[in-house]
N, C-alpha and C. Protein backbone atom coordinates (compact mmCIF):
# COMPACT_ATOMS: atom_id res chain seq x y z
N MET A 1 0.82 -1.19 0.00
CA MET A 1 0.00 0.00 0.00
C MET A 1 0.86 1.27 0.00
N LEU A 2 1.93 1.24 0.82
CA LEU A 2 2.81 2.40 0.86
C LEU A 2 3.48 2.63 -0.49
N GLY A 3 3.81 1.55 -1.18
CA GLY A 3 4.44 1.68 -2.49
C GLY A 3 3.53 2.37 -3.48
N PHE A 4 2.24 2.03 -3.43
CA PHE A 4 1.27 2.66 -4.32
C PHE A 4 1.18 4.16 -4.05
N ARG A 5 1.13 4.52 -2.76
CA ARG A 5 1.05 5.94 -2.38
C ARG A 5 2.31 6.68 -2.83
N ALA A 6 3.46 6.07 -2.63
CA ALA A 6 4.72 6.70 -3.04
C ALA A 6 4.74 6.88 -4.56
N ASP A 7 4.25 5.88 -5.28
CA ASP A 7 4.19 5.98 -6.75
C ASP A 7 3.25 7.10 -7.18
N ARG A 8 2.10 7.21 -6.49
CA ARG A 8 1.15 8.27 -6.81
C ARG A 8 1.75 9.65 -6.52
N LEU A 9 2.46 9.76 -5.40
CA LEU A 9 3.08 11.04 -5.07
C LEU A 9 4.18 11.40 -6.07
N ARG A 10 4.95 10.40 -6.51
CA ARG A 10 5.98 10.66 -7.52
C ARG A 10 5.32 11.12 -8.82
N ALA A 11 4.22 10.50 -9.18
CA ALA A 11 3.49 10.91 -10.39
C ALA A 11 2.97 12.34 -10.24
N ASP A 12 2.47 12.67 -9.04
CA ASP A 12 2.01 14.05 -8.78
C ASP A 12 3.16 15.04 -8.95
N MET A 13 4.32 14.68 -8.41
CA MET A 13 5.50 15.54 -8.55
C MET A 13 5.87 15.72 -10.02
N ASN A 14 5.87 14.62 -10.75
CA ASN A 14 6.24 14.69 -12.17
C ASN A 14 5.25 15.53 -12.97
N ARG A 15 3.96 15.41 -12.64
CA ARG A 15 2.94 16.23 -13.33
C ARG A 15 3.15 17.71 -13.02
N LEU A 16 3.41 18.03 -11.76
CA LEU A 16 3.63 19.42 -11.38
C LEU A 16 4.88 19.98 -12.05
N LEU A 17 5.95 19.21 -12.06
CA LEU A 17 7.17 19.66 -12.74
C LEU A 17 6.93 19.85 -14.23
N ALA A 18 6.22 18.91 -14.85
CA ALA A 18 5.92 19.02 -16.29
C ALA A 18 5.13 20.30 -16.56
N LEU A 19 4.15 20.60 -15.70
CA LEU A 19 3.36 21.82 -15.86
C LEU A 19 4.26 23.05 -15.76
N LEU A 20 5.14 23.08 -14.76
CA LEU A 20 6.01 24.25 -14.56
C LEU A 20 6.98 24.42 -15.73
N PHE A 21 7.44 23.32 -16.30
CA PHE A 21 8.30 23.42 -17.48
C PHE A 21 7.50 23.86 -18.69
N HIS A 22 6.31 23.31 -18.85
CA HIS A 22 5.45 23.68 -19.98
C HIS A 22 5.09 25.17 -19.92
N GLN A 23 4.83 25.68 -18.73
CA GLN A 23 4.49 27.09 -18.57
C GLN A 23 5.70 28.01 -18.67
N GLY A 24 6.90 27.43 -18.69
CA GLY A 24 8.11 28.24 -18.75
C GLY A 24 8.52 28.81 -17.40
N VAL A 25 7.88 28.36 -16.34
CA VAL A 25 8.22 28.83 -14.99
C VAL A 25 9.63 28.37 -14.63
N LEU A 26 9.93 27.10 -14.94
CA LEU A 26 11.25 26.53 -14.68
C LEU A 26 11.93 26.17 -15.99
N ASP A 27 13.27 26.09 -15.94
CA ASP A 27 14.02 25.62 -17.09
C ASP A 27 14.97 24.50 -16.66
N GLU A 28 15.79 24.04 -17.56
CA GLU A 28 16.65 22.88 -17.32
C GLU A 28 17.63 23.08 -16.17
N GLN A 29 17.89 24.31 -15.77
CA GLN A 29 18.79 24.54 -14.63
C GLN A 29 18.21 23.93 -13.35
N PHE A 30 16.90 23.92 -13.23
CA PHE A 30 16.28 23.30 -12.05
C PHE A 30 16.57 21.81 -12.02
N LEU A 31 16.53 21.16 -13.18
CA LEU A 31 16.86 19.73 -13.25
C LEU A 31 18.31 19.48 -12.86
N GLN A 32 19.20 20.36 -13.30
CA GLN A 32 20.61 20.23 -12.93
C GLN A 32 20.78 20.39 -11.42
N LEU A 33 20.03 21.28 -10.83
CA LEU A 33 20.06 21.46 -9.39
C LEU A 33 19.60 20.18 -8.69
N GLN A 34 18.54 19.57 -9.20
CA GLN A 34 18.03 18.33 -8.62
C GLN A 34 19.06 17.20 -8.70
N GLN A 35 19.86 17.19 -9.75
CA GLN A 35 20.86 16.14 -9.91
C GLN A 35 21.98 16.23 -8.86
N LEU A 36 22.11 17.38 -8.22
CA LEU A 36 23.13 17.55 -7.18
C LEU A 36 22.67 17.00 -5.83
N GLN A 37 21.40 16.67 -5.73
CA GLN A 37 20.86 16.13 -4.48
C GLN A 37 21.10 14.63 -4.43
N ASP A 38 21.55 14.13 -3.28
CA ASP A 38 21.75 12.70 -3.09
C ASP A 38 21.48 12.33 -1.64
N GLU A 39 21.79 11.09 -1.27
CA GLU A 39 21.53 10.62 0.09
C GLU A 39 22.30 11.43 1.14
N SER A 40 23.47 11.91 0.79
CA SER A 40 24.26 12.67 1.76
C SER A 40 23.71 14.09 1.96
N SER A 41 22.93 14.56 1.01
CA SER A 41 22.30 15.89 1.14
C SER A 41 20.88 15.82 0.59
N PRO A 42 19.99 15.11 1.32
CA PRO A 42 18.63 14.88 0.81
C PRO A 42 17.78 16.13 0.72
N ASN A 43 18.16 17.20 1.40
CA ASN A 43 17.39 18.44 1.37
C ASN A 43 18.06 19.52 0.54
N PHE A 44 19.02 19.14 -0.27
CA PHE A 44 19.83 20.12 -0.99
C PHE A 44 18.99 21.12 -1.79
N VAL A 45 18.09 20.62 -2.62
CA VAL A 45 17.30 21.51 -3.49
C VAL A 45 16.44 22.45 -2.67
N SER A 46 15.74 21.91 -1.68
CA SER A 46 14.87 22.78 -0.88
C SER A 46 15.69 23.80 -0.09
N GLU A 47 16.88 23.42 0.37
CA GLU A 47 17.73 24.38 1.09
C GLU A 47 18.20 25.50 0.17
N VAL A 48 18.64 25.15 -1.02
CA VAL A 48 19.10 26.16 -1.98
C VAL A 48 17.94 27.08 -2.37
N VAL A 49 16.78 26.49 -2.63
CA VAL A 49 15.62 27.28 -3.03
C VAL A 49 15.16 28.18 -1.87
N ASN A 50 15.22 27.68 -0.65
CA ASN A 50 14.83 28.53 0.49
C ASN A 50 15.79 29.70 0.66
N ILE A 51 17.07 29.50 0.43
CA ILE A 51 18.03 30.61 0.45
C ILE A 51 17.68 31.61 -0.65
N TYR A 52 17.35 31.09 -1.82
CA TYR A 52 16.91 31.95 -2.93
C TYR A 52 15.70 32.78 -2.52
N PHE A 53 14.71 32.15 -1.88
CA PHE A 53 13.51 32.87 -1.46
C PHE A 53 13.85 33.97 -0.46
N GLN A 54 14.70 33.67 0.50
CA GLN A 54 15.08 34.68 1.50
C GLN A 54 15.76 35.87 0.83
N GLU A 55 16.69 35.60 -0.04
CA GLU A 55 17.42 36.66 -0.72
C GLU A 55 16.48 37.44 -1.66
N SER A 56 15.61 36.73 -2.34
CA SER A 56 14.67 37.38 -3.27
C SER A 56 13.71 38.30 -2.53
N GLU A 57 13.24 37.86 -1.37
CA GLU A 57 12.35 38.71 -0.57
C GLU A 57 13.04 40.03 -0.23
N ARG A 58 14.31 39.94 0.15
CA ARG A 58 15.07 41.15 0.48
C ARG A 58 15.21 42.06 -0.74
N LEU A 59 15.53 41.46 -1.89
CA LEU A 59 15.70 42.26 -3.11
C LEU A 59 14.38 42.89 -3.55
N LEU A 60 13.28 42.15 -3.47
CA LEU A 60 11.98 42.71 -3.84
C LEU A 60 11.60 43.86 -2.91
N LYS A 61 11.87 43.70 -1.64
CA LYS A 61 11.60 44.77 -0.68
C LYS A 61 12.42 46.01 -1.03
N ASN A 62 13.69 45.82 -1.38
CA ASN A 62 14.55 46.94 -1.76
C ASN A 62 14.05 47.62 -3.03
N LEU A 63 13.61 46.83 -4.01
CA LEU A 63 13.08 47.40 -5.25
C LEU A 63 11.82 48.23 -4.98
N ARG A 64 10.93 47.68 -4.15
CA ARG A 64 9.72 48.40 -3.78
C ARG A 64 10.07 49.73 -3.12
N ALA A 65 11.03 49.68 -2.19
CA ALA A 65 11.43 50.90 -1.46
C ALA A 65 12.00 51.95 -2.41
N LEU A 66 12.80 51.52 -3.39
CA LEU A 66 13.37 52.46 -4.34
C LEU A 66 12.28 53.13 -5.18
N LEU A 67 11.25 52.39 -5.53
CA LEU A 67 10.18 52.94 -6.37
C LEU A 67 9.19 53.80 -5.58
N ILE A 68 9.12 53.63 -4.28
CA ILE A 68 8.22 54.44 -3.45
C ILE A 68 8.69 55.89 -3.43
N GLU A 69 10.00 56.08 -3.39
CA GLU A 69 10.56 57.43 -3.35
C GLU A 69 10.46 58.04 -4.75
N ARG A 70 9.38 58.68 -5.03
CA ARG A 70 9.07 59.20 -6.37
C ARG A 70 10.19 60.07 -6.94
N ASP A 71 10.72 60.98 -6.19
CA ASP A 71 11.72 61.91 -6.72
C ASP A 71 13.15 61.40 -6.58
N LEU A 72 13.33 60.37 -5.77
CA LEU A 72 14.69 59.93 -5.46
C LEU A 72 15.02 58.54 -6.01
N THR A 73 14.27 58.07 -6.97
CA THR A 73 14.50 56.73 -7.49
C THR A 73 15.92 56.60 -8.02
N ASP A 74 16.64 55.62 -7.46
CA ASP A 74 18.03 55.35 -7.83
C ASP A 74 18.03 54.18 -8.82
N TYR A 75 18.04 54.51 -10.11
CA TYR A 75 17.93 53.48 -11.15
C TYR A 75 19.18 52.60 -11.21
N LYS A 76 20.33 53.15 -10.86
CA LYS A 76 21.56 52.34 -10.86
C LYS A 76 21.47 51.26 -9.78
N LYS A 77 21.04 51.66 -8.59
CA LYS A 77 20.89 50.70 -7.50
C LYS A 77 19.81 49.66 -7.85
N MET A 78 18.74 50.13 -8.49
CA MET A 78 17.68 49.23 -8.92
C MET A 78 18.23 48.18 -9.88
N GLY A 79 19.06 48.63 -10.82
CA GLY A 79 19.68 47.71 -11.76
C GLY A 79 20.56 46.69 -11.07
N ASN A 80 21.27 47.12 -10.03
CA ASN A 80 22.11 46.18 -9.27
C ASN A 80 21.27 45.11 -8.58
N HIS A 81 20.16 45.54 -7.97
CA HIS A 81 19.26 44.57 -7.32
C HIS A 81 18.68 43.60 -8.35
N LEU A 82 18.30 44.13 -9.50
CA LEU A 82 17.73 43.28 -10.55
C LEU A 82 18.77 42.29 -11.08
N ASN A 83 20.02 42.73 -11.23
CA ASN A 83 21.07 41.81 -11.67
C ASN A 83 21.26 40.67 -10.67
N GLN A 84 21.22 40.99 -9.38
CA GLN A 84 21.35 39.95 -8.36
C GLN A 84 20.18 38.96 -8.43
N LEU A 85 18.97 39.50 -8.55
CA LEU A 85 17.79 38.65 -8.62
C LEU A 85 17.79 37.82 -9.90
N MET A 86 18.22 38.42 -10.98
CA MET A 86 18.29 37.71 -12.25
C MET A 86 19.29 36.56 -12.16
N GLY A 87 20.45 36.82 -11.57
CA GLY A 87 21.48 35.79 -11.45
C GLY A 87 21.05 34.63 -10.56
N SER A 88 20.47 34.95 -9.42
CA SER A 88 20.04 33.88 -8.52
C SER A 88 18.85 33.11 -9.11
N SER A 89 17.98 33.80 -9.82
CA SER A 89 16.86 33.12 -10.48
C SER A 89 17.37 32.16 -11.55
N SER A 90 18.37 32.60 -12.31
CA SER A 90 18.97 31.73 -13.32
C SER A 90 19.59 30.50 -12.68
N SER A 91 20.22 30.67 -11.52
CA SER A 91 20.94 29.56 -10.90
C SER A 91 20.00 28.47 -10.39
N ILE A 92 18.75 28.80 -10.09
CA ILE A 92 17.81 27.75 -9.66
C ILE A 92 16.85 27.34 -10.78
N GLY A 93 16.93 27.99 -11.93
CA GLY A 93 16.06 27.64 -13.05
C GLY A 93 14.72 28.35 -13.04
N ALA A 94 14.63 29.49 -12.34
CA ALA A 94 13.38 30.27 -12.28
C ALA A 94 13.30 31.13 -13.54
N ASN A 95 12.93 30.52 -14.63
CA ASN A 95 12.98 31.12 -15.95
C ASN A 95 12.09 32.36 -16.10
N ARG A 96 10.83 32.27 -15.71
CA ARG A 96 9.93 33.42 -15.90
C ARG A 96 10.32 34.59 -15.01
N VAL A 97 10.76 34.32 -13.79
CA VAL A 97 11.21 35.41 -12.91
C VAL A 97 12.42 36.09 -13.55
N ARG A 98 13.35 35.30 -14.07
CA ARG A 98 14.54 35.86 -14.73
C ARG A 98 14.13 36.73 -15.92
N ASN A 99 13.20 36.26 -16.72
CA ASN A 99 12.77 37.02 -17.90
C ASN A 99 12.11 38.34 -17.52
N VAL A 100 11.33 38.35 -16.46
CA VAL A 100 10.70 39.59 -16.01
C VAL A 100 11.79 40.55 -15.50
N CYS A 101 12.81 40.01 -14.85
CA CYS A 101 13.93 40.86 -14.39
C CYS A 101 14.61 41.55 -15.56
N ILE A 102 14.74 40.85 -16.67
CA ILE A 102 15.37 41.43 -17.87
C ILE A 102 14.55 42.61 -18.37
N ALA A 103 13.23 42.43 -18.46
CA ALA A 103 12.35 43.52 -18.91
C ALA A 103 12.36 44.67 -17.91
N PHE A 104 12.36 44.34 -16.64
CA PHE A 104 12.39 45.34 -15.58
C PHE A 104 13.68 46.16 -15.69
N ARG A 105 14.80 45.46 -15.89
CA ARG A 105 16.09 46.15 -16.00
C ARG A 105 16.11 47.10 -17.19
N ALA A 106 15.50 46.69 -18.30
CA ALA A 106 15.43 47.58 -19.47
C ALA A 106 14.68 48.86 -19.12
N ASN A 107 13.61 48.75 -18.36
CA ASN A 107 12.88 49.95 -17.92
C ASN A 107 13.73 50.80 -16.99
N SER A 108 14.48 50.17 -16.10
CA SER A 108 15.31 50.94 -15.17
C SER A 108 16.45 51.64 -15.90
N GLU A 109 16.98 51.00 -16.93
CA GLU A 109 18.06 51.62 -17.72
C GLU A 109 17.56 52.84 -18.48
N GLN A 110 16.28 52.90 -18.77
CA GLN A 110 15.67 54.05 -19.45
C GLN A 110 15.07 55.05 -18.46
N ASN A 111 15.31 54.81 -17.16
CA ASN A 111 14.73 55.66 -16.11
C ASN A 111 13.22 55.79 -16.26
N ASN A 112 12.58 54.71 -16.66
CA ASN A 112 11.14 54.67 -16.90
C ASN A 112 10.43 54.19 -15.63
N ARG A 113 10.05 55.14 -14.79
CA ARG A 113 9.44 54.80 -13.50
C ARG A 113 8.12 54.04 -13.69
N ALA A 114 7.27 54.50 -14.60
CA ALA A 114 5.99 53.82 -14.83
C ALA A 114 6.22 52.38 -15.30
N GLY A 115 7.17 52.20 -16.20
CA GLY A 115 7.51 50.86 -16.67
C GLY A 115 8.06 49.99 -15.55
N CYS A 116 8.85 50.60 -14.67
CA CYS A 116 9.40 49.88 -13.52
C CYS A 116 8.30 49.45 -12.56
N LEU A 117 7.34 50.33 -12.34
CA LEU A 117 6.22 49.98 -11.46
C LEU A 117 5.41 48.81 -12.01
N ARG A 118 5.15 48.85 -13.32
CA ARG A 118 4.42 47.73 -13.96
C ARG A 118 5.25 46.46 -13.88
N ALA A 119 6.55 46.57 -14.14
CA ALA A 119 7.43 45.40 -14.11
C ALA A 119 7.52 44.82 -12.69
N LEU A 120 7.53 45.68 -11.68
CA LEU A 120 7.58 45.20 -10.30
C LEU A 120 6.32 44.40 -9.98
N GLU A 121 5.19 44.88 -10.44
CA GLU A 121 3.92 44.17 -10.22
C GLU A 121 3.97 42.78 -10.85
N VAL A 122 4.45 42.70 -12.09
CA VAL A 122 4.56 41.41 -12.78
C VAL A 122 5.59 40.53 -12.07
N LEU A 123 6.70 41.12 -11.68
CA LEU A 123 7.76 40.36 -10.99
C LEU A 123 7.23 39.76 -9.69
N GLU A 124 6.52 40.55 -8.91
CA GLU A 124 5.97 40.04 -7.66
C GLU A 124 4.97 38.92 -7.91
N HIS A 125 4.17 39.04 -8.96
CA HIS A 125 3.21 37.99 -9.31
C HIS A 125 3.95 36.70 -9.69
N GLU A 126 4.93 36.81 -10.57
CA GLU A 126 5.69 35.62 -11.01
C GLU A 126 6.43 34.98 -9.85
N TYR A 127 7.00 35.81 -9.00
CA TYR A 127 7.74 35.31 -7.84
C TYR A 127 6.80 34.54 -6.91
N CYS A 128 5.63 35.11 -6.61
CA CYS A 128 4.67 34.44 -5.73
C CYS A 128 4.18 33.12 -6.32
N TYR A 129 3.96 33.10 -7.62
CA TYR A 129 3.52 31.87 -8.29
C TYR A 129 4.62 30.81 -8.16
N LEU A 130 5.86 31.19 -8.47
CA LEU A 130 6.99 30.27 -8.36
C LEU A 130 7.10 29.74 -6.93
N LYS A 131 7.04 30.63 -5.97
CA LYS A 131 7.19 30.23 -4.57
C LYS A 131 6.09 29.25 -4.15
N SER A 132 4.86 29.53 -4.53
CA SER A 132 3.76 28.64 -4.13
C SER A 132 3.90 27.26 -4.80
N LYS A 133 4.29 27.24 -6.07
CA LYS A 133 4.40 25.96 -6.78
C LYS A 133 5.59 25.14 -6.28
N LEU A 134 6.71 25.79 -5.98
CA LEU A 134 7.85 25.04 -5.45
C LEU A 134 7.57 24.56 -4.03
N HIS A 135 6.85 25.36 -3.27
CA HIS A 135 6.44 24.92 -1.93
C HIS A 135 5.56 23.67 -2.05
N GLU A 136 4.63 23.69 -2.99
CA GLU A 136 3.77 22.53 -3.25
C GLU A 136 4.60 21.31 -3.65
N LEU A 137 5.56 21.52 -4.52
CA LEU A 137 6.43 20.43 -4.97
C LEU A 137 7.20 19.83 -3.79
N PHE A 138 7.75 20.67 -2.94
CA PHE A 138 8.53 20.19 -1.79
C PHE A 138 7.64 19.46 -0.78
N GLN A 139 6.40 19.90 -0.64
CA GLN A 139 5.48 19.20 0.25
C GLN A 139 5.17 17.79 -0.27
N ILE A 140 4.95 17.68 -1.56
CA ILE A 140 4.69 16.37 -2.15
C ILE A 140 5.92 15.48 -1.98
N GLU A 141 7.09 16.04 -2.22
CA GLU A 141 8.34 15.27 -2.08
C GLU A 141 8.51 14.81 -0.64
N GLN A 142 8.23 15.67 0.31
CA GLN A 142 8.36 15.30 1.72
C GLN A 142 7.38 14.17 2.07
N GLN A 143 6.15 14.26 1.58
CA GLN A 143 5.18 13.19 1.82
C GLN A 143 5.65 11.88 1.20
N ARG A 144 6.19 11.97 -0.01
CA ARG A 144 6.67 10.77 -0.69
C ARG A 144 7.80 10.11 0.10
N VAL A 145 8.74 10.92 0.53
CA VAL A 145 9.90 10.39 1.26
C VAL A 145 9.46 9.81 2.61
N LEU A 146 8.60 10.52 3.32
CA LEU A 146 8.12 10.02 4.60
C LEU A 146 7.31 8.74 4.42
N GLY A 147 6.54 8.68 3.36
CA GLY A 147 5.76 7.49 3.07
C GLY A 147 6.62 6.29 2.73
N ALA A 148 7.79 6.57 2.17
CA ALA A 148 8.71 5.49 1.81
C ALA A 148 9.54 5.04 3.01
N GLY A 149 9.38 5.72 4.16
CA GLY A 149 10.10 5.32 5.35
C GLY A 149 11.46 5.96 5.51
N VAL A 150 11.82 6.87 4.62
CA VAL A 150 13.09 7.56 4.72
C VAL A 150 12.88 8.77 5.62
N ARG A 151 13.81 9.02 6.51
CA ARG A 151 13.68 10.17 7.40
C ARG A 151 14.81 11.14 7.15
N TYR A 152 14.46 12.41 6.92
CA TYR A 152 15.44 13.46 6.77
C TYR A 152 15.91 13.91 8.16
N PRO A 153 17.12 14.35 8.28
CA PRO A 153 17.56 14.91 9.56
C PRO A 153 16.77 16.17 9.87
N MET A 154 16.59 16.45 11.13
CA MET A 154 15.85 17.64 11.56
C MET A 154 16.63 18.89 11.13
N GLN A 155 15.91 19.87 10.61
CA GLN A 155 16.54 21.14 10.24
C GLN A 155 16.46 22.06 11.44
N GLN A 156 17.53 22.80 11.65
CA GLN A 156 17.54 23.78 12.72
C GLN A 156 17.21 25.13 12.14
N ASN A 157 16.44 25.90 12.87
CA ASN A 157 16.06 27.25 12.42
C ASN A 157 16.88 28.28 13.10
């Protein structure tokens, strides 16, 4: 019975991943990241992605703060934040987030505040979608692993 449940959970994971690839949310870099995970580091992907989320939250907050200051918008600093977010998104395979960063950066290079505001809205939407779907994926993976009788070491906060 446990084997059937584990198989169903693996199929659920594969369907979710296929959807995310089909939608362009993820690219092949995510698969390469998954290949680095093994028995010695069973939480590798989720740990890397959680670091990405923490750093991305900080960068999004900084971008929002820069755009709030109507007269003092620092487009150079905005571009630096976008480059960081673009690079870290590329490293985990967050394709759509990376693509929005590229468009956002083009607006910041033109000092286009209205374009930056629209791009920030799209970026926040894409980021939230990515975060919710990867969270869902990791929950399914955790259920699958627990169902198979494998226990991950406790994470410290």
